[in-house]
Amino acid sequence: MRLDKFLKVSRIIKRRTVANEACDTGRVQINGRPAKAGTQVKEGDVVVLFFGDKQFSFRILDVKETVKKQECQDMYEVINE
């Protein structure tokens, strides 16, 4: 699954266009490397998002195309906020 789609489906970022912009401006890293919106994600990847002076890190636990709102938190594990 594409990174921008995962961020939207897991409800970490509300809209896919916003996720796309975050990736294009270099504010997203996967396993320590800068990531583009089209980068394929898989279980076990560590993703870091940079918002201003804040950093949000999480590990991908599950990759699903569609998920209910109550189950979206099961797709990732927060490492630090």
PDB file of N, CA and C in Angstrom:
ATOM      1  N   MET A   1       0.840  -1.174   0.000  1.00  0.00           N
ATOM      2  CA  MET A   1       0.000   0.000   0.000  1.00  0.00           C
ATOM      3  C   MET A   1       0.887   1.240   0.000  1.00  0.00           C
ATOM      4  N   ARG A   2       0.439   2.262  -0.709  1.00  0.00           N
ATOM      5  CA  ARG A   2       1.171   3.526  -0.751  1.00  0.00           C
ATOM      6  C   ARG A   2       1.165   4.206   0.615  1.00  0.00           C
ATOM      7  N   LEU A   3       2.222   4.933   0.914  1.00  0.00           N
ATOM      8  CA  LEU A   3       2.348   5.612   2.192  1.00  0.00           C
ATOM      9  C   LEU A   3       1.231   6.615   2.425  1.00  0.00           C
ATOM     10  N   ASP A   4       0.915   7.446   1.420  1.00  0.00           N
ATOM     11  CA  ASP A   4      -0.126   8.455   1.617  1.00  0.00           C
ATOM     12  C   ASP A   4      -1.488   7.816   1.881  1.00  0.00           C
ATOM     13  N   LYS A   5      -1.767   6.710   1.229  1.00  0.00           N
ATOM     14  CA  LYS A   5      -3.037   6.011   1.461  1.00  0.00           C
ATOM     15  C   LYS A   5      -3.069   5.392   2.852  1.00  0.00           C
ATOM     16  N   PHE A   6      -1.949   4.826   3.306  1.00  0.00           N
ATOM     17  CA  PHE A   6      -1.904   4.255   4.654  1.00  0.00           C
ATOM     18  C   PHE A   6      -2.169   5.327   5.709  1.00  0.00           C
ATOM     19  N   LEU A   7      -1.560   6.500   5.536  1.00  0.00           N
ATOM     20  CA  LEU A   7      -1.757   7.580   6.504  1.00  0.00           C
ATOM     21  C   LEU A   7      -3.225   7.999   6.578  1.00  0.00           C
ATOM     22  N   LYS A   8      -3.916   7.964   5.442  1.00  0.00           N
ATOM     23  CA  LYS A   8      -5.329   8.318   5.426  1.00  0.00           C
ATOM     24  C   LYS A   8      -6.195   7.206   6.007  1.00  0.00           C
ATOM     25  N   VAL A   9      -5.985   5.963   5.573  1.00  0.00           N
ATOM     26  CA  VAL A   9      -6.803   4.835   6.037  1.00  0.00           C
ATOM     27  C   VAL A   9      -6.652   4.644   7.543  1.00  0.00           C
ATOM     28  N   SER A  10      -5.447   4.811   8.063  1.00  0.00           N
ATOM     29  CA  SER A  10      -5.215   4.641   9.495  1.00  0.00           C
ATOM     30  C   SER A  10      -5.646   5.869  10.299  1.00  0.00           C
ATOM     31  N   ARG A  11      -6.079   6.906   9.605  1.00  0.00           N
ATOM     32  CA  ARG A  11      -6.574   8.151  10.202  1.00  0.00           C
ATOM     33  C   ARG A  11      -5.505   8.890  11.008  1.00  0.00           C
ATOM     34  N   ILE A  12      -4.251   8.715  10.623  1.00  0.00           N
ATOM     35  CA  ILE A  12      -3.172   9.506  11.226  1.00  0.00           C
ATOM     36  C   ILE A  12      -3.217  10.905  10.640  1.00  0.00           C
ATOM     37  N   ILE A  13      -3.440  10.993   9.330  1.00  0.00           N
ATOM     38  CA  ILE A  13      -3.664  12.268   8.647  1.00  0.00           C
ATOM     39  C   ILE A  13      -5.049  12.190   8.013  1.00  0.00           C
ATOM     40  N   LYS A  14      -5.804  13.266   8.158  1.00  0.00           N
ATOM     41  CA  LYS A  14      -7.217  13.234   7.796  1.00  0.00           C
ATOM     42  C   LYS A  14      -7.489  13.089   6.301  1.00  0.00           C
ATOM     43  N   ARG A  15      -6.713  13.780   5.467  1.00  0.00           N
ATOM     44  CA  ARG A  15      -6.947  13.734   4.025  1.00  0.00           C
ATOM     45  C   ARG A  15      -5.707  13.263   3.290  1.00  0.00           C
ATOM     46  N   ARG A  16      -5.942  12.568   2.185  1.00  0.00           N
ATOM     47  CA  ARG A  16      -4.832  12.019   1.417  1.00  0.00           C
ATOM     48  C   ARG A  16      -3.991  13.120   0.776  1.00  0.00           C
ATOM     49  N   THR A  17      -4.616  14.215   0.370  1.00  0.00           N
ATOM     50  CA  THR A  17      -3.842  15.309  -0.224  1.00  0.00           C
ATOM     51  C   THR A  17      -2.895  15.928   0.794  1.00  0.00           C
ATOM     52  N   VAL A  18      -3.319  16.014   2.044  1.00  0.00           N
ATOM     53  CA  VAL A  18      -2.450  16.539   3.098  1.00  0.00           C
ATOM     54  C   VAL A  18      -1.297  15.573   3.340  1.00  0.00           C
ATOM     55  N   ALA A  19      -1.584  14.272   3.326  1.00  0.00           N
ATOM     56  CA  ALA A  19      -0.531  13.260   3.482  1.00  0.00           C
ATOM     57  C   ALA A  19       0.457  13.345   2.321  1.00  0.00           C
ATOM     58  N   ASN A  20      -0.062  13.561   1.121  1.00  0.00           N
ATOM     59  CA  ASN A  20       0.769  13.702  -0.069  1.00  0.00           C
ATOM     60  C   ASN A  20       1.710  14.893   0.058  1.00  0.00           C
ATOM     61  N   GLU A  21       1.193  16.027   0.520  1.00  0.00           N
ATOM     62  CA  GLU A  21       2.008  17.234   0.695  1.00  0.00           C
ATOM     63  C   GLU A  21       3.079  17.025   1.757  1.00  0.00           C
ATOM     64  N   ALA A  22       2.731  16.339   2.848  1.00  0.00           N
ATOM     65  CA  ALA A  22       3.710  16.080   3.907  1.00  0.00           C
ATOM     66  C   ALA A  22       4.867  15.242   3.368  1.00  0.00           C
ATOM     67  N   CYS A  23       4.554  14.265   2.545  1.00  0.00           N
ATOM     68  CA  CYS A  23       5.600  13.421   1.955  1.00  0.00           C
ATOM     69  C   CYS A  23       6.460  14.204   0.973  1.00  0.00           C
ATOM     70  N   ASP A  24       5.831  15.035   0.147  1.00  0.00           N
ATOM     71  CA  ASP A  24       6.567  15.789  -0.870  1.00  0.00           C
ATOM     72  C   ASP A  24       7.492  16.841  -0.270  1.00  0.00           C
ATOM     73  N   THR A  25       7.159  17.352   0.918  1.00  0.00           N
ATOM     74  CA  THR A  25       8.004  18.369   1.540  1.00  0.00           C
ATOM     75  C   THR A  25       9.068  17.767   2.453  1.00  0.00           C
ATOM     76  N   GLY A  26       9.155  16.437   2.493  1.00  0.00           N
ATOM     77  CA  GLY A  26      10.216  15.793   3.264  1.00  0.00           C
ATOM     78  C   GLY A  26       9.948  15.673   4.742  1.00  0.00           C
ATOM     79  N   ARG A  27       8.696  15.720   5.160  1.00  0.00           N
ATOM     80  CA  ARG A  27       8.364  15.637   6.585  1.00  0.00           C
ATOM     81  C   ARG A  27       8.029  14.217   7.035  1.00  0.00           C
ATOM     82  N   VAL A  28       8.263  13.226   6.173  1.00  0.00           N
ATOM     83  CA  VAL A  28       7.974  11.830   6.516  1.00  0.00           C
ATOM     84  C   VAL A  28       9.203  10.975   6.225  1.00  0.00           C
ATOM     85  N   GLN A  29       9.537  10.108   7.170  1.00  0.00           N
ATOM     86  CA  GLN A  29      10.635   9.165   6.989  1.00  0.00           C
ATOM     87  C   GLN A  29      10.135   7.752   7.272  1.00  0.00           C
ATOM     88  N   ILE A  30      10.649   6.789   6.512  1.00  0.00           N
ATOM     89  CA  ILE A  30      10.375   5.375   6.775  1.00  0.00           C
ATOM     90  C   ILE A  30      11.709   4.708   7.038  1.00  0.00           C
ATOM     91  N   ASN A  31      11.832   4.092   8.185  1.00  0.00           N
ATOM     92  CA  ASN A  31      13.059   3.395   8.594  1.00  0.00           C
ATOM     93  C   ASN A  31      14.287   4.298   8.445  1.00  0.00           C
ATOM     94  N   GLY A  32      14.146   5.571   8.806  1.00  0.00           N
ATOM     95  CA  GLY A  32      15.265   6.504   8.793  1.00  0.00           C
ATOM     96  C   GLY A  32      15.578   7.145   7.458  1.00  0.00           C
ATOM     97  N   ARG A  33      14.795   6.862   6.424  1.00  0.00           N
ATOM     98  CA  ARG A  33      15.030   7.443   5.099  1.00  0.00           C
ATOM     99  C   ARG A  33      13.845   8.305   4.691  1.00  0.00           C
ATOM    100  N   PRO A  34      14.098   9.421   4.021  1.00  0.00           N
ATOM    101  CA  PRO A  34      12.981  10.247   3.520  1.00  0.00           C
ATOM    102  C   PRO A  34      12.093   9.428   2.588  1.00  0.00           C
ATOM    103  N   ALA A  35      10.780   9.643   2.690  1.00  0.00           N
ATOM    104  CA  ALA A  35       9.846   8.834   1.918  1.00  0.00           C
ATOM    105  C   ALA A  35       8.952   9.707   1.038  1.00  0.00           C
ATOM    106  N   LYS A  36       8.689   9.235  -0.153  1.00  0.00           N
ATOM    107  CA  LYS A  36       7.741   9.878  -1.066  1.00  0.00           C
ATOM    108  C   LYS A  36       6.352   9.300  -0.811  1.00  0.00           C
ATOM    109  N   ALA A  37       5.339   9.938  -1.360  1.00  0.00           N
ATOM    110  CA  ALA A  37       3.954   9.503  -1.163  1.00  0.00           C
ATOM    111  C   ALA A  37       3.709   8.115  -1.737  1.00  0.00           C
ATOM    112  N   GLY A  38       4.388   7.759  -2.802  1.00  0.00           N
ATOM    113  CA  GLY A  38       4.176   6.479  -3.460  1.00  0.00           C
ATOM    114  C   GLY A  38       4.996   5.324  -2.897  1.00  0.00           C
ATOM    115  N   THR A  39       5.768   5.577  -1.846  1.00  0.00           N
ATOM    116  CA  THR A  39       6.576   4.527  -1.244  1.00  0.00           C
ATOM    117  C   THR A  39       5.674   3.435  -0.670  1.00  0.00           C
ATOM    118  N   GLN A  40       5.995   2.187  -0.961  1.00  0.00           N
ATOM    119  CA  GLN A  40       5.202   1.066  -0.456  1.00  0.00           C
ATOM    120  C   GLN A  40       5.566   0.800   1.008  1.00  0.00           C
ATOM    121  N   VAL A  41       4.539   0.674   1.854  1.00  0.00           N
ATOM    122  CA  VAL A  41       4.763   0.370   3.267  1.00  0.00           C
ATOM    123  C   VAL A  41       4.377  -1.080   3.526  1.00  0.00           C
ATOM    124  N   LYS A  42       4.994  -1.654   4.559  1.00  0.00           N
ATOM    125  CA  LYS A  42       4.689  -3.027   4.945  1.00  0.00           C
ATOM    126  C   LYS A  42       4.729  -3.118   6.466  1.00  0.00           C
ATOM    127  N   GLU A  43       4.259  -4.230   6.973  1.00  0.00           N
ATOM    128  CA  GLU A  43       4.248  -4.444   8.421  1.00  0.00           C
ATOM    129  C   GLU A  43       5.678  -4.413   8.955  1.00  0.00           C
ATOM    130  N   GLY A  44       5.859  -3.748  10.084  1.00  0.00           N
ATOM    131  CA  GLY A  44       7.174  -3.661  10.704  1.00  0.00           C
ATOM    132  C   GLY A  44       7.927  -2.386  10.389  1.00  0.00           C
ATOM    133  N   ASP A  45       7.490  -1.623   9.391  1.00  0.00           N
ATOM    134  CA  ASP A  45       8.144  -0.356   9.066  1.00  0.00           C
ATOM    135  C   ASP A  45       7.934   0.656  10.190  1.00  0.00           C
ATOM    136  N   VAL A  46       8.966   1.459  10.454  1.00  0.00           N
ATOM    137  CA  VAL A  46       8.872   2.539  11.436  1.00  0.00           C
ATOM    138  C   VAL A  46       8.774   3.845  10.669  1.00  0.00           C
ATOM    139  N   VAL A  47       7.705   4.583  10.922  1.00  0.00           N
ATOM    140  CA  VAL A  47       7.436   5.836  10.218  1.00  0.00           C
ATOM    141  C   VAL A  47       7.562   6.990  11.209  1.00  0.00           C
ATOM    142  N   VAL A  48       8.229   8.066  10.783  1.00  0.00           N
ATOM    143  CA  VAL A  48       8.381   9.260  11.600  1.00  0.00           C
ATOM    144  C   VAL A  48       7.790  10.433  10.834  1.00  0.00           C
ATOM    145  N   LEU A  49       6.868  11.167  11.482  1.00  0.00           N
ATOM    146  CA  LEU A  49       6.271  12.369  10.905  1.00  0.00           C
ATOM    147  C   LEU A  49       6.790  13.582  11.658  1.00  0.00           C
ATOM    148  N   PHE A  50       7.154  14.626  10.931  1.00  0.00           N
ATOM    149  CA  PHE A  50       7.624  15.869  11.535  1.00  0.00           C
ATOM    150  C   PHE A  50       6.596  16.959  11.283  1.00  0.00           C
ATOM    151  N   PHE A  51       6.028  17.499  12.358  1.00  0.00           N
ATOM    152  CA  PHE A  51       5.077  18.605  12.266  1.00  0.00           C
ATOM    153  C   PHE A  51       5.632  19.759  13.083  1.00  0.00           C
ATOM    154  N   GLY A  52       6.192  20.757  12.414  1.00  0.00           N
ATOM    155  CA  GLY A  52       6.808  21.878  13.126  1.00  0.00           C
ATOM    156  C   GLY A  52       7.968  21.374  13.959  1.00  0.00           C
ATOM    157  N   ASP A  53       7.902  21.605  15.270  1.00  0.00           N
ATOM    158  CA  ASP A  53       8.965  21.132  16.153  1.00  0.00           C
ATOM    159  C   ASP A  53       8.603  19.812  16.829  1.00  0.00           C
ATOM    160  N   LYS A  54       7.463  19.227  16.448  1.00  0.00           N
ATOM    161  CA  LYS A  54       7.024  17.959  17.035  1.00  0.00           C
ATOM    162  C   LYS A  54       7.393  16.790  16.129  1.00  0.00           C
ATOM    163  N   GLN A  55       7.562  15.641  16.754  1.00  0.00           N
ATOM    164  CA  GLN A  55       7.912  14.419  16.025  1.00  0.00           C
ATOM    165  C   GLN A  55       6.982  13.304  16.504  1.00  0.00           C
ATOM    166  N   PHE A  56       6.371  12.585  15.559  1.00  0.00           N
ATOM    167  CA  PHE A  56       5.447  11.497  15.866  1.00  0.00           C
ATOM    168  C   PHE A  56       5.966  10.233  15.200  1.00  0.00           C
ATOM    169  N   SER A  57       6.309   9.216  16.010  1.00  0.00           N
ATOM    170  CA  SER A  57       6.859   7.967  15.486  1.00  0.00           C
ATOM    171  C   SER A  57       5.898   6.819  15.774  1.00  0.00           C
ATOM    172  N   PHE A  58       5.758   5.929  14.790  1.00  0.00           N
ATOM    173  CA  PHE A  58       4.918   4.758  14.984  1.00  0.00           C
ATOM    174  C   PHE A  58       5.422   3.601  14.139  1.00  0.00           C
ATOM    175  N   ARG A  59       5.053   2.388  14.556  1.00  0.00           N
ATOM    176  CA  ARG A  59       5.405   1.159  13.842  1.00  0.00           C
ATOM    177  C   ARG A  59       4.139   0.608  13.210  1.00  0.00           C
ATOM    178  N   ILE A  60       4.219   0.218  11.960  1.00  0.00           N
ATOM    179  CA  ILE A  60       3.066  -0.324  11.244  1.00  0.00           C
ATOM    180  C   ILE A  60       2.878  -1.782  11.665  1.00  0.00           C
ATOM    181  N   LEU A  61       1.678  -2.093  12.151  1.00  0.00           N
ATOM    182  CA  LEU A  61       1.366  -3.451  12.591  1.00  0.00           C
ATOM    183  C   LEU A  61       0.541  -4.216  11.567  1.00  0.00           C
ATOM    184  N   ASP A  62      -0.300  -3.498  10.812  1.00  0.00           N
ATOM    185  CA  ASP A  62      -1.194  -4.164   9.871  1.00  0.00           C
ATOM    186  C   ASP A  62      -1.481  -3.215   8.714  1.00  0.00           C
ATOM    187  N   VAL A  63      -1.577  -3.762   7.518  1.00  0.00           N
ATOM    188  CA  VAL A  63      -1.876  -2.963   6.325  1.00  0.00           C
ATOM    189  C   VAL A  63      -3.173  -3.494   5.729  1.00  0.00           C
ATOM    190  N   LYS A  64      -4.225  -2.665   5.767  1.00  0.00           N
ATOM    191  CA  LYS A  64      -5.528  -3.032   5.216  1.00  0.00           C
ATOM    192  C   LYS A  64      -6.012  -1.929   4.303  1.00  0.00           C
ATOM    193  N   GLU A  65      -6.754  -2.293   3.259  1.00  0.00           N
ATOM    194  CA  GLU A  65      -7.289  -1.306   2.313  1.00  0.00           C
ATOM    195  C   GLU A  65      -8.401  -0.483   2.929  1.00  0.00           C
ATOM    196  N   THR A  66      -9.297  -1.146   3.661  1.00  0.00           N
ATOM    197  CA  THR A  66     -10.395  -0.445   4.332  1.00  0.00           C
ATOM    198  C   THR A  66     -10.461  -0.927   5.768  1.00  0.00           C
ATOM    199  N   VAL A  67     -10.877  -0.023   6.647  1.00  0.00           N
ATOM    200  CA  VAL A  67     -10.956  -0.367   8.066  1.00  0.00           C
ATOM    201  C   VAL A  67     -12.001   0.529   8.717  1.00  0.00           C
ATOM    202  N   LYS A  68     -12.682  -0.002   9.726  1.00  0.00           N
ATOM    203  CA  LYS A  68     -13.673   0.783  10.461  1.00  0.00           C
ATOM    204  C   LYS A  68     -12.964   1.750  11.389  1.00  0.00           C
ATOM    205  N   LYS A  69     -13.671   2.800  11.765  1.00  0.00           N
ATOM    206  CA  LYS A  69     -13.086   3.840  12.599  1.00  0.00           C
ATOM    207  C   LYS A  69     -12.565   3.285  13.932  1.00  0.00           C
ATOM    208  N   GLN A  70     -13.291   2.325  14.503  1.00  0.00           N
ATOM    209  CA  GLN A  70     -12.895   1.758  15.793  1.00  0.00           C
ATOM    210  C   GLN A  70     -11.644   0.890  15.675  1.00  0.00           C
ATOM    211  N   GLU A  71     -11.368   0.364  14.491  1.00  0.00           N
ATOM    212  CA  GLU A  71     -10.247  -0.562  14.311  1.00  0.00           C
ATOM    213  C   GLU A  71      -8.988   0.101  13.753  1.00  0.00           C
ATOM    214  N   CYS A  72      -9.052   1.378  13.417  1.00  0.00           N
ATOM    215  CA  CYS A  72      -7.902   2.015  12.766  1.00  0.00           C
ATOM    216  C   CYS A  72      -6.692   2.113  13.691  1.00  0.00           C
ATOM    217  N   GLN A  73      -6.901   2.184  14.998  1.00  0.00           N
ATOM    218  CA  GLN A  73      -5.775   2.277  15.935  1.00  0.00           C
ATOM    219  C   GLN A  73      -5.010   0.955  16.036  1.00  0.00           C
ATOM    220  N   ASP A  74      -5.609  -0.140  15.559  1.00  0.00           N
ATOM    221  CA  ASP A  74      -4.942  -1.441  15.596  1.00  0.00           C
ATOM    222  C   ASP A  74      -3.932  -1.580  14.441  1.00  0.00           C
ATOM    223  N   MET A  75      -3.910  -0.612  13.523  1.00  0.00           N
ATOM    224  CA  MET A  75      -3.017  -0.694  12.367  1.00  0.00           C
ATOM    225  C   MET A  75      -1.598  -0.250  12.691  1.00  0.00           C
ATOM    226  N   TYR A  76      -1.426   0.483  13.809  1.00  0.00           N
ATOM    227  CA  TYR A  76      -0.092   0.995  14.139  1.00  0.00           C
ATOM    228  C   TYR A  76       0.095   1.039  15.658  1.00  0.00           C
ATOM    229  N   GLU A  77       1.374   1.106  16.072  1.00  0.00           N
ATOM    230  CA  GLU A  77       1.745   1.196  17.470  1.00  0.00           C
ATOM    231  C   GLU A  77       2.584   2.464  17.634  1.00  0.00           C
ATOM    232  N   VAL A  78       2.167   3.343  18.530  1.00  0.00           N
ATOM    233  CA  VAL A  78       2.875   4.604  18.756  1.00  0.00           C
ATOM    234  C   VAL A  78       4.165   4.335  19.510  1.00  0.00           C
ATOM    235  N   ILE A  79       5.267   4.860  18.969  1.00  0.00           N
ATOM    236  CA  ILE A  79       6.570   4.735  19.640  1.00  0.00           C
ATOM    237  C   ILE A  79       6.808   5.945  20.527  1.00  0.00           C
ATOM    238  N   ASN A  80       6.622   7.143  19.963  1.00  0.00           N
ATOM    239  CA  ASN A  80       6.669   8.372  20.773  1.00  0.00           C
ATOM    240  C   ASN A  80       5.901   9.475  20.087  1.00  0.00           C
ATOM    241  N   GLU A  81       5.458  10.443  20.882  1.00  0.00           N
ATOM    242  CA  GLU A  81       4.708  11.576  20.332  1.00  0.00           C
ATOM    243  C   GLU A  81       5.462  12.853  20.577  1.00  0.00           C
TER     244      GLU A  81
END
